[in-house]
C-alpha atoms as a PDB file:
ATOM      1  CA  MET A   1      25.628 -12.127  -0.021  1.00  0.00           C
ATOM      2  CA  ALA A   2      25.546 -14.136   3.139  1.00  0.00           C
ATOM      3  CA  GLN A   3      23.289 -16.456   1.530  1.00  0.00           C
ATOM      4  CA  ASP A   4      25.676 -17.036  -1.350  1.00  0.00           C
ATOM      5  CA  ARG A   5      28.278 -17.832   1.244  1.00  0.00           C
ATOM      6  CA  ASN A   6      25.932 -20.270   2.881  1.00  0.00           C
ATOM      7  CA  ASP A   7      25.178 -21.964  -0.382  1.00  0.00           C
ATOM      8  CA  GLY A   8      28.717 -22.127  -1.492  1.00  0.00           C
ATOM      9  CA  PHE A   9      29.475 -23.665   1.949  1.00  0.00           C
ATOM     10  CA  LEU A  10      26.860 -26.207   1.748  1.00  0.00           C
ATOM     11  CA  ALA A  11      27.989 -27.099  -1.817  1.00  0.00           C
ATOM     12  CA  GLY A  12      31.658 -27.512  -0.372  1.00  0.00           C
ATOM     13  CA  LEU A  13      30.641 -29.578   2.413  1.00  0.00           C
ATOM     14  CA  LEU A  14      28.637 -31.860   0.022  1.00  0.00           C
ATOM     15  CA  ILE A  15      31.376 -32.322  -2.403  1.00  0.00           C
ATOM     16  CA  GLY A  16      33.837 -32.696   0.633  1.00  0.00           C
ATOM     17  CA  GLY A  17      31.494 -35.452   2.085  1.00  0.00           C
ATOM     18  CA  VAL A  18      31.062 -37.207  -1.231  1.00  0.00           C
ATOM     19  CA  LEU A  19      34.859 -37.170  -1.843  1.00  0.00           C
ATOM     20  CA  GLY A  20      35.693 -38.227   1.778  1.00  0.00           C
ATOM     21  CA  ALA A  21      33.287 -41.184   1.533  1.00  0.00           C
ATOM     22  CA  ALA A  22      34.917 -42.222  -1.789  1.00  0.00           C
ATOM     23  CA  PHE A  23      38.320 -42.242  -0.506  1.00  0.00           C
ATOM     24  CA  GLY A  24      37.107 -43.880   2.752  1.00  0.00           C
ATOM     25  CA  MET A  25      35.613 -46.603   0.808  1.00  0.00           C
ATOM     26  CA  LEU A  26      38.606 -47.254  -1.248  1.00  0.00           C
ATOM     27  CA  PHE A  27      40.932 -47.716   1.759  1.00  0.00           C
ATOM     28  CA  ALA A  28      38.462 -49.297   4.163  1.00  0.00           C
ATOM     29  CA  PRO A  29      38.602 -53.059   4.633  1.00  0.00           C
ATOM     30  CA  ARG A  30      35.112 -54.010   3.634  1.00  0.00           C
ATOM     31  CA  SER A  31      33.489 -56.572   1.295  1.00  0.00           C
ATOM     32  CA  GLY A  32      32.128 -55.651  -2.242  1.00  0.00           C
ATOM     33  CA  LYS A  33      28.624 -56.091  -1.039  1.00  0.00           C
ATOM     34  CA  ASP A  34      29.125 -53.817   2.071  1.00  0.00           C
ATOM     35  CA  THR A  35      30.980 -51.199   0.042  1.00  0.00           C
ATOM     36  CA  ARG A  36      28.206 -51.121  -2.691  1.00  0.00           C
ATOM     37  CA  GLN A  37      25.439 -50.695   0.075  1.00  0.00           C
ATOM     38  CA  TYR A  38      27.472 -48.180   1.771  1.00  0.00           C
ATOM     39  CA  LEU A  39      27.865 -46.363  -1.524  1.00  0.00           C
ATOM     40  CA  SER A  40      24.437 -46.500  -2.356  1.00  0.00           C
ATOM     41  CA  LYS A  41      23.609 -45.191   1.066  1.00  0.00           C
ATOM     42  CA  LYS A  42      25.985 -42.352   0.874  1.00  0.00           C
ATOM     43  CA  LEU A  43      24.748 -41.456  -2.727  1.00  0.00           C
ATOM     44  CA  GLU A  44      21.189 -41.270  -1.627  1.00  0.00           C
ATOM     45  CA  GLU A  45      22.103 -39.173   1.328  1.00  0.00           C
ATOM     46  CA  ALA A  46      24.081 -36.877  -1.102  1.00  0.00           C
ATOM     47  CA  LYS A  47      21.111 -36.716  -3.539  1.00  0.00           C
ATOM     48  CA  GLU A  48      18.694 -35.771  -0.592  1.00  0.00           C
ATOM     49  CA  ALA A  49      21.110 -32.953   0.572  1.00  0.00           C
ATOM     50  CA  ALA A  50      21.373 -31.518  -3.075  1.00  0.00           C
ATOM     51  CA  ASP A  51      17.564 -31.933  -3.267  1.00  0.00           C
ATOM     52  CA  ARG A  52      17.145 -29.891  -0.091  1.00  0.00           C
ATOM     53  CA  SER A  53      19.734 -27.387  -1.227  1.00  0.00           C
ATOM     54  CA  VAL A  54      17.861 -26.943  -4.611  1.00  0.00           C
ATOM     55  CA  GLU A  55      14.548 -26.734  -2.666  1.00  0.00           C
ATOM     56  CA  MET A  56      15.954 -24.024  -0.513  1.00  0.00           C
ATOM     57  CA  THR A  57      17.420 -21.889  -3.255  1.00  0.00           C
ATOM     58  CA  ALA A  58      14.138 -22.151  -5.163  1.00  0.00           C
ATOM     59  CA  GLU A  59      12.217 -20.725  -2.176  1.00  0.00           C
ATOM     60  CA  LYS A  60      14.869 -18.038  -1.649  1.00  0.00           C
ATOM     61  CA  LEU A  61      14.626 -16.951  -5.152  1.00  0.00           C
ATOM     62  CA  GLU A  62      10.745 -17.112  -5.108  1.00  0.00           C
ATOM     63  CA  LYS A  63      10.785 -14.886  -2.014  1.00  0.00           C
ATOM     64  CA  ALA A  64      13.225 -12.522  -3.633  1.00  0.00           C
ATOM     65  CA  ARG A  65      11.153 -12.286  -6.863  1.00  0.00           C
ATOM     66  CA  ARG A  66       8.149 -11.315  -4.668  1.00  0.00           C
ATOM     67  CA  GLU A  67      10.120  -8.582  -2.667  1.00  0.00           C
ATOM     68  CA  VAL A  68      11.106  -7.211  -6.043  1.00  0.00           C
ATOM     69  CA  ASP A  69       7.519  -7.231  -7.505  1.00  0.00           C
ATOM     70  CA  GLU A  70       6.435  -5.556  -4.321  1.00  0.00           C
ATOM     71  CA  ALA A  71       9.064  -2.844  -4.622  1.00  0.00           C
ATOM     72  CA  LEU A  72       8.221  -2.283  -8.330  1.00  0.00           C
ATOM     73  CA  ASN A  73       4.551  -1.841  -7.445  1.00  0.00           C
ATOM     74  CA  LYS A  74       5.324   0.668  -4.793  1.00  0.00           C
ATOM     75  CA  PHE A  75       7.622   2.505  -7.048  1.00  0.00           C
ATOM     76  CA  ARG A  76       5.186   2.475  -9.753  1.00  0.00           C
ATOM     77  CA  ILE A  77       2.276   3.877  -7.236  1.00  0.00           C
ATOM     78  CA  ALA A  78       4.511   6.687  -6.236  1.00  0.00           C
ATOM     79  CA  LEU A  79       5.587   7.526  -9.651  1.00  0.00           C
ATOM     80  CA  ASP A  80       1.902   7.777 -10.743  1.00  0.00           C
ATOM     81  CA  GLU A  81       1.127   9.902  -7.712  1.00  0.00           C
ATOM     82  CA  ARG A  82       3.953  12.289  -8.529  1.00  0.00           C
ATOM     83  CA  LYS A  83       2.882  12.317 -12.204  1.00  0.00           C
ATOM     84  CA  ARG A  84      -0.720  13.365 -11.224  1.00  0.00           C
ATOM     85  CA  ALA A  85       0.431  16.022  -8.918  1.00  0.00           C
ATOM     86  CA  LEU A  86       2.900  17.349 -11.565  1.00  0.00           C
ATOM     87  CA  GLU A  87       0.052  17.432 -14.266  1.00  0.00           C
ATOM     88  CA  GLU A  88      -2.060  19.098 -11.568  1.00  0.00           C
ATOM     89  CA  ARG A  89       0.275  21.795 -10.984  1.00  0.00           C
ATOM     90  CA  VAL A  90       0.963  22.215 -14.760  1.00  0.00           C
ATOM     91  CA  THR A  91      -2.738  22.749 -15.348  1.00  0.00           C
ATOM     92  CA  SER A  92      -2.832  25.186 -12.442  1.00  0.00           C
ATOM     93  CA  VAL A  93      -0.011  27.300 -13.705  1.00  0.00           C
ATOM     94  CA  ARG A  94      -1.395  27.222 -17.531  1.00  0.00           C
ATOM     95  CA  GLU A  95      -4.935  28.342 -16.111  1.00  0.00           C
ATOM     96  CA  GLY A  96      -3.230  31.043 -14.048  1.00  0.00           C
ATOM     97  CA  SER A  97      -1.028  32.156 -16.871  1.00  0.00           C
ATOM     98  CA  GLU A  98      -4.152  32.364 -19.159  1.00  0.00           C
ATOM     99  CA  GLU A  99      -6.185  34.280 -16.606  1.00  0.00           C
ATOM    100  CA  ALA A 100      -3.234  36.794 -16.200  1.00  0.00           C
ATOM    101  CA  ALA A 101      -2.992  37.024 -19.897  1.00  0.00           C
ATOM    102  CA  ALA A 102      -6.681  37.868 -20.328  1.00  0.00           C
ATOM    103  CA  GLU A 103      -6.347  40.386 -17.491  1.00  0.00           C
ATOM    104  CA  LEU A 104      -3.410  41.983 -19.154  1.00  0.00           C
ATOM    105  CA  GLU A 105      -5.030  41.915 -22.392  1.00  0.00           C
ATOM    106  CA  GLU A 106      -8.075  43.583 -20.912  1.00  0.00           C
ATOM    107  CA  ALA A 107      -5.882  46.236 -19.205  1.00  0.00           C
ATOM    108  CA  ILE A 108      -4.053  46.980 -22.604  1.00  0.00           C
ATOM    109  CA  ASN A 109      -7.384  47.393 -24.489  1.00  0.00           C
ATOM    110  CA  GLN A 110      -8.658  49.686 -21.784  1.00  0.00           C
ATOM    111  CA  ALA A 111      -5.442  51.609 -21.945  1.00  0.00           C
ATOM    112  CA  ILE A 112      -5.830  51.904 -25.724  1.00  0.00           C
ATOM    113  CA  SER A 113      -9.471  52.871 -25.368  1.00  0.00           C
ATOM    114  CA  ASP A 114      -8.469  55.569 -22.847  1.00  0.00           C
ATOM    115  CA  ILE A 115      -5.741  57.016 -25.130  1.00  0.00           C
ATOM    116  CA  GLU A 116      -8.113  56.899 -28.085  1.00  0.00           C
ATOM    117  CA  SER A 117     -10.642  58.866 -25.938  1.00  0.00           C
ATOM    118  CA  LEU A 118      -8.123  61.384 -24.951  1.00  0.00           C
ATOM    119  CA  GLU A 119      -6.936  62.138 -28.475  1.00  0.00           C
ATOM    120  CA  THR A 120     -10.552  62.410 -29.410  1.00  0.00           C
ATOM    121  CA  GLU A 121     -11.051  64.959 -26.738  1.00  0.00           C
ATOM    122  CA  ARG A 122      -7.955  66.910 -27.686  1.00  0.00           C
ATOM    123  CA  GLN A 123      -8.966  67.059 -31.264  1.00  0.00           C
ATOM    124  CA  GLN A 124     -12.205  68.541 -30.349  1.00  0.00           C
END
């Protein structure tokens, strides 16, 4: 945000300089040749200032793009790590529940077998 202010300030300074130069030339007692030379010089200065401003803005945009790319890469890495950890936990829970189900099935089968044995003994 501070950069936006600086860019706006620079643009205003540039526009103000150009307007000031133009009004100064209109009201200054100079010959046509001197005025044209002065105008040419001021226009060249304004062009150079605009070129510098464009270059600075392009550099800042490139820096911001690199920072966003870096932040996105960090986010992707963190997301992948969390996904892997969650998948490991799901697998662990799934394996644990399968083990518990197998143990429960074995206990049920053993209880059925014990009940059947008791019934067979009673019948005899």
